[in-house]
Amino acid sequence: MKPRNSDFVVLASAVAKAGKGHELESALRAAAAPTRAQRGCVDFLLIRCRDDPHTVIAVERWASQADHDAHLQGQHVKDLMQRLQTILAEPPAISACEILDCV
């Protein structure tokens, strides 16, 4: 899919506490379907790092920053944030990005 000037990409990296990797995966998977169904969600991908199985990265692509901002107000995101409080080893690292090149 070709990028549009309005595309907004977010990379969110989450690190689970020791022994909580499966809980992290479960929590993120539970939020994935409602996220994908939201207006403006172009793509939502969850990736586990092979060299660090406690780290999961979400790659989110939104039609606009406004769509992403609306996503953050959703109940499924609020529920996820509540759930992550006992799972994460550290606060998630979140970066807003723009697409430079895409096939």
N, C-alpha and C. Protein backbone atom coordinates (compact mmCIF):
# COMPACT_ATOMS: atom_id res chain seq x y z
N MET A 1 0.84 -1.17 0.00
CA MET A 1 0.00 0.00 0.00
C MET A 1 0.88 1.24 0.00
N LYS A 2 0.63 2.13 -0.90
CA LYS A 2 1.42 3.36 -1.00
C LYS A 2 1.07 4.31 0.14
N PRO A 3 2.08 4.97 0.70
CA PRO A 3 1.79 5.93 1.77
C PRO A 3 1.09 7.16 1.21
N ARG A 4 0.28 7.77 2.07
CA ARG A 4 -0.35 9.04 1.76
C ARG A 4 0.28 10.07 2.68
N ASN A 5 0.23 11.32 2.31
CA ASN A 5 0.81 12.36 3.15
C ASN A 5 0.20 12.38 4.54
N SER A 6 -1.05 11.93 4.66
CA SER A 6 -1.72 11.97 5.96
C SER A 6 -1.40 10.76 6.82
N ASP A 7 -0.77 9.73 6.26
CA ASP A 7 -0.49 8.53 7.05
C ASP A 7 0.29 8.88 8.32
N PHE A 8 -0.09 8.25 9.40
CA PHE A 8 0.52 8.46 10.71
C PHE A 8 0.88 7.09 11.25
N VAL A 9 2.15 6.88 11.58
CA VAL A 9 2.63 5.59 12.03
C VAL A 9 3.12 5.70 13.47
N VAL A 10 2.77 4.70 14.27
CA VAL A 10 3.20 4.65 15.65
C VAL A 10 3.90 3.32 15.89
N LEU A 11 5.07 3.38 16.52
CA LEU A 11 5.78 2.18 16.97
C LEU A 11 5.73 2.19 18.49
N ALA A 12 5.18 1.13 19.06
CA ALA A 12 5.06 1.03 20.51
C ALA A 12 5.71 -0.26 20.97
N SER A 13 6.73 -0.14 21.81
CA SER A 13 7.47 -1.29 22.30
C SER A 13 7.15 -1.51 23.77
N ALA A 14 6.78 -2.74 24.12
CA ALA A 14 6.43 -3.07 25.50
C ALA A 14 7.28 -4.24 25.97
N VAL A 15 7.82 -4.13 27.19
CA VAL A 15 8.67 -5.18 27.77
C VAL A 15 7.96 -5.74 28.99
N ALA A 16 7.72 -7.04 28.97
CA ALA A 16 7.04 -7.71 30.08
C ALA A 16 8.02 -8.03 31.20
N LYS A 17 7.49 -8.08 32.41
CA LYS A 17 8.27 -8.58 33.54
C LYS A 17 8.59 -10.05 33.30
N ALA A 18 9.62 -10.54 33.96
CA ALA A 18 9.98 -11.96 33.84
C ALA A 18 8.76 -12.82 34.15
N GLY A 19 8.51 -13.79 33.29
CA GLY A 19 7.40 -14.70 33.48
C GLY A 19 6.04 -14.16 33.05
N LYS A 20 5.99 -12.94 32.53
CA LYS A 20 4.72 -12.33 32.15
C LYS A 20 4.58 -12.12 30.64
N GLY A 21 5.47 -12.73 29.87
CA GLY A 21 5.44 -12.57 28.42
C GLY A 21 4.13 -13.03 27.79
N HIS A 22 3.60 -14.14 28.25
CA HIS A 22 2.34 -14.64 27.69
C HIS A 22 1.17 -13.73 28.07
N GLU A 23 1.22 -13.14 29.26
CA GLU A 23 0.18 -12.19 29.66
C GLU A 23 0.22 -10.94 28.79
N LEU A 24 1.43 -10.49 28.47
CA LEU A 24 1.57 -9.33 27.59
C LEU A 24 0.99 -9.63 26.22
N GLU A 25 1.35 -10.78 25.67
CA GLU A 25 0.83 -11.17 24.36
C GLU A 25 -0.70 -11.26 24.39
N SER A 26 -1.24 -11.86 25.41
CA SER A 26 -2.70 -12.01 25.52
C SER A 26 -3.39 -10.65 25.60
N ALA A 27 -2.84 -9.75 26.40
CA ALA A 27 -3.44 -8.41 26.55
C ALA A 27 -3.41 -7.65 25.23
N LEU A 28 -2.29 -7.72 24.53
CA LEU A 28 -2.18 -7.01 23.25
C LEU A 28 -3.06 -7.62 22.17
N ARG A 29 -3.15 -8.94 22.16
CA ARG A 29 -4.02 -9.60 21.18
C ARG A 29 -5.49 -9.24 21.42
N ALA A 30 -5.87 -9.11 22.69
CA ALA A 30 -7.25 -8.75 23.01
C ALA A 30 -7.59 -7.35 22.49
N ALA A 31 -6.61 -6.47 22.45
CA ALA A 31 -6.84 -5.10 21.97
C ALA A 31 -6.69 -4.99 20.45
N ALA A 32 -6.11 -5.98 19.81
CA ALA A 32 -5.81 -5.89 18.38
C ALA A 32 -7.06 -5.81 17.51
N ALA A 33 -8.02 -6.70 17.71
CA ALA A 33 -9.22 -6.72 16.85
C ALA A 33 -10.02 -5.42 16.96
N PRO A 34 -10.31 -4.93 18.20
CA PRO A 34 -11.04 -3.66 18.26
C PRO A 34 -10.25 -2.50 17.67
N THR A 35 -8.93 -2.55 17.76
CA THR A 35 -8.11 -1.50 17.17
C THR A 35 -8.23 -1.54 15.65
N ARG A 36 -8.12 -2.72 15.07
CA ARG A 36 -8.20 -2.86 13.61
C ARG A 36 -9.56 -2.42 13.07
N ALA A 37 -10.59 -2.54 13.89
CA ALA A 37 -11.94 -2.18 13.46
C ALA A 37 -12.22 -0.69 13.54
N GLN A 38 -11.33 0.07 14.15
CA GLN A 38 -11.56 1.49 14.33
C GLN A 38 -11.40 2.27 13.04
N ARG A 39 -12.17 3.34 12.96
CA ARG A 39 -12.07 4.26 11.82
C ARG A 39 -10.64 4.78 11.71
N GLY A 40 -10.08 4.71 10.51
CA GLY A 40 -8.76 5.25 10.27
C GLY A 40 -7.61 4.29 10.49
N CYS A 41 -7.89 3.10 11.02
CA CYS A 41 -6.80 2.13 11.21
C CYS A 41 -6.49 1.49 9.86
N VAL A 42 -5.30 1.77 9.35
CA VAL A 42 -4.86 1.22 8.06
C VAL A 42 -4.24 -0.15 8.28
N ASP A 43 -3.46 -0.28 9.37
CA ASP A 43 -2.78 -1.55 9.66
C ASP A 43 -2.39 -1.57 11.13
N PHE A 44 -2.42 -2.75 11.73
CA PHE A 44 -2.00 -2.93 13.11
C PHE A 44 -1.33 -4.29 13.19
N LEU A 45 -0.06 -4.30 13.55
CA LEU A 45 0.75 -5.51 13.53
C LEU A 45 1.45 -5.67 14.87
N LEU A 46 1.41 -6.88 15.44
CA LEU A 46 2.14 -7.18 16.67
C LEU A 46 3.33 -8.07 16.33
N ILE A 47 4.49 -7.71 16.85
CA ILE A 47 5.74 -8.42 16.55
C ILE A 47 6.45 -8.74 17.86
N ARG A 48 6.86 -10.00 18.05
CA ARG A 48 7.66 -10.37 19.21
C ARG A 48 9.13 -10.44 18.78
N CYS A 49 10.00 -9.89 19.58
CA CYS A 49 11.43 -9.93 19.27
C CYS A 49 11.97 -11.33 19.53
N ARG A 50 12.65 -11.89 18.56
CA ARG A 50 13.21 -13.24 18.72
C ARG A 50 14.34 -13.28 19.73
N ASP A 51 15.13 -12.21 19.78
CA ASP A 51 16.26 -12.20 20.71
C ASP A 51 15.85 -11.75 22.11
N ASP A 52 14.61 -11.30 22.28
CA ASP A 52 14.09 -10.90 23.59
C ASP A 52 12.59 -11.18 23.61
N PRO A 53 12.20 -12.42 23.95
CA PRO A 53 10.79 -12.79 23.88
C PRO A 53 9.87 -12.05 24.85
N HIS A 54 10.44 -11.25 25.74
CA HIS A 54 9.63 -10.44 26.65
C HIS A 54 9.24 -9.10 26.02
N THR A 55 9.74 -8.84 24.81
CA THR A 55 9.47 -7.56 24.14
C THR A 55 8.54 -7.77 22.95
N VAL A 56 7.46 -6.99 22.93
CA VAL A 56 6.51 -7.01 21.82
C VAL A 56 6.42 -5.59 21.28
N ILE A 57 6.44 -5.47 19.97
CA ILE A 57 6.33 -4.18 19.30
C ILE A 57 5.04 -4.14 18.51
N ALA A 58 4.29 -3.08 18.69
CA ALA A 58 3.09 -2.85 17.88
C ALA A 58 3.46 -1.83 16.81
N VAL A 59 3.16 -2.17 15.56
CA VAL A 59 3.35 -1.25 14.44
C VAL A 59 1.95 -0.84 14.01
N GLU A 60 1.64 0.43 14.21
CA GLU A 60 0.30 0.95 13.91
C GLU A 60 0.38 1.95 12.78
N ARG A 61 -0.51 1.81 11.83
CA ARG A 61 -0.59 2.77 10.73
C ARG A 61 -2.01 3.31 10.67
N TRP A 62 -2.10 4.62 10.77
CA TRP A 62 -3.39 5.30 10.83
C TRP A 62 -3.53 6.25 9.65
N ALA A 63 -4.75 6.51 9.23
CA ALA A 63 -4.99 7.44 8.13
C ALA A 63 -4.60 8.86 8.53
N SER A 64 -4.68 9.16 9.84
CA SER A 64 -4.31 10.49 10.30
C SER A 64 -3.99 10.44 11.79
N GLN A 65 -3.33 11.46 12.27
CA GLN A 65 -3.05 11.56 13.70
C GLN A 65 -4.36 11.69 14.48
N ALA A 66 -5.34 12.38 13.91
CA ALA A 66 -6.64 12.52 14.57
C ALA A 66 -7.30 11.16 14.79
N ASP A 67 -7.17 10.26 13.82
CA ASP A 67 -7.72 8.91 13.99
C ASP A 67 -7.01 8.17 15.12
N HIS A 68 -5.69 8.33 15.20
CA HIS A 68 -4.94 7.70 16.27
C HIS A 68 -5.33 8.29 17.62
N ASP A 69 -5.48 9.60 17.67
CA ASP A 69 -5.88 10.26 18.91
C ASP A 69 -7.24 9.74 19.39
N ALA A 70 -8.17 9.54 18.46
CA ALA A 70 -9.49 8.99 18.81
C ALA A 70 -9.35 7.56 19.32
N HIS A 71 -8.46 6.79 18.71
CA HIS A 71 -8.18 5.41 19.15
C HIS A 71 -7.76 5.37 20.61
N LEU A 72 -6.92 6.32 21.01
CA LEU A 72 -6.42 6.34 22.38
C LEU A 72 -7.52 6.58 23.41
N GLN A 73 -8.66 7.09 22.98
CA GLN A 73 -9.78 7.34 23.89
C GLN A 73 -10.73 6.15 24.01
N GLY A 74 -10.48 5.09 23.21
CA GLY A 74 -11.35 3.92 23.21
C GLY A 74 -11.28 3.13 24.50
N GLN A 75 -12.40 2.49 24.85
CA GLN A 75 -12.45 1.70 26.08
C GLN A 75 -11.46 0.55 26.04
N HIS A 76 -11.27 -0.07 24.87
CA HIS A 76 -10.33 -1.20 24.80
C HIS A 76 -8.90 -0.75 25.09
N VAL A 77 -8.55 0.48 24.75
CA VAL A 77 -7.21 1.01 25.05
C VAL A 77 -7.11 1.30 26.55
N LYS A 78 -8.15 1.87 27.13
CA LYS A 78 -8.16 2.12 28.57
C LYS A 78 -8.05 0.81 29.35
N ASP A 79 -8.78 -0.21 28.90
CA ASP A 79 -8.70 -1.53 29.55
C ASP A 79 -7.29 -2.12 29.41
N LEU A 80 -6.70 -1.97 28.24
CA LEU A 80 -5.34 -2.47 28.01
C LEU A 80 -4.35 -1.79 28.94
N MET A 81 -4.42 -0.48 29.03
CA MET A 81 -3.49 0.26 29.90
C MET A 81 -3.62 -0.19 31.35
N GLN A 82 -4.83 -0.43 31.79
CA GLN A 82 -5.06 -0.92 33.15
C GLN A 82 -4.41 -2.29 33.34
N ARG A 83 -4.62 -3.16 32.38
CA ARG A 83 -4.07 -4.52 32.44
C ARG A 83 -2.54 -4.52 32.42
N LEU A 84 -1.95 -3.62 31.65
CA LEU A 84 -0.50 -3.59 31.50
C LEU A 84 0.23 -3.14 32.76
N GLN A 85 -0.47 -2.49 33.67
CA GLN A 85 0.17 -1.99 34.89
C GLN A 85 0.86 -3.09 35.69
N THR A 86 0.32 -4.29 35.66
CA THR A 86 0.91 -5.40 36.43
C THR A 86 1.79 -6.31 35.56
N ILE A 87 1.84 -6.03 34.27
CA ILE A 87 2.57 -6.89 33.34
C ILE A 87 3.92 -6.31 32.92
N LEU A 88 3.97 -5.00 32.71
CA LEU A 88 5.16 -4.38 32.13
C LEU A 88 6.29 -4.18 33.13
N ALA A 89 7.50 -4.38 32.65
CA ALA A 89 8.71 -4.16 33.45
C ALA A 89 9.09 -2.69 33.47
N GLU A 90 8.63 -1.94 32.48
CA GLU A 90 8.96 -0.52 32.34
C GLU A 90 7.87 0.13 31.49
N PRO A 91 7.78 1.45 31.52
CA PRO A 91 6.78 2.10 30.66
C PRO A 91 7.05 1.79 29.18
N PRO A 92 5.99 1.68 28.39
CA PRO A 92 6.20 1.40 26.96
C PRO A 92 6.92 2.57 26.28
N ALA A 93 7.70 2.23 25.27
CA ALA A 93 8.38 3.24 24.44
C ALA A 93 7.50 3.46 23.21
N ILE A 94 7.04 4.70 23.02
CA ILE A 94 6.12 4.99 21.93
C ILE A 94 6.72 6.10 21.07
N SER A 95 6.79 5.84 19.76
CA SER A 95 7.34 6.81 18.82
C SER A 95 6.36 7.06 17.68
N ALA A 96 6.08 8.33 17.40
CA ALA A 96 5.30 8.71 16.23
C ALA A 96 6.27 8.84 15.06
N CYS A 97 5.87 8.28 13.91
CA CYS A 97 6.78 8.22 12.76
C CYS A 97 6.05 8.64 11.49
N GLU A 98 6.82 8.84 10.45
CA GLU A 98 6.24 9.06 9.12
C GLU A 98 6.90 8.12 8.14
N ILE A 99 6.17 7.75 7.12
CA ILE A 99 6.66 6.81 6.11
C ILE A 99 7.54 7.56 5.11
N LEU A 100 8.74 7.07 4.91
CA LEU A 100 9.64 7.65 3.91
C LEU A 100 9.58 6.92 2.60
N ASP A 101 9.41 5.59 2.66
CA ASP A 101 9.41 4.79 1.44
C ASP A 101 8.57 3.55 1.71
N CYS A 102 7.80 3.13 0.74
CA CYS A 102 6.91 1.99 0.91
C CYS A 102 6.68 1.36 -0.44
N VAL A 103 6.62 0.07 -0.45
CA VAL A 103 6.37 -0.67 -1.70
C VAL A 103 4.89 -0.70 -1.98
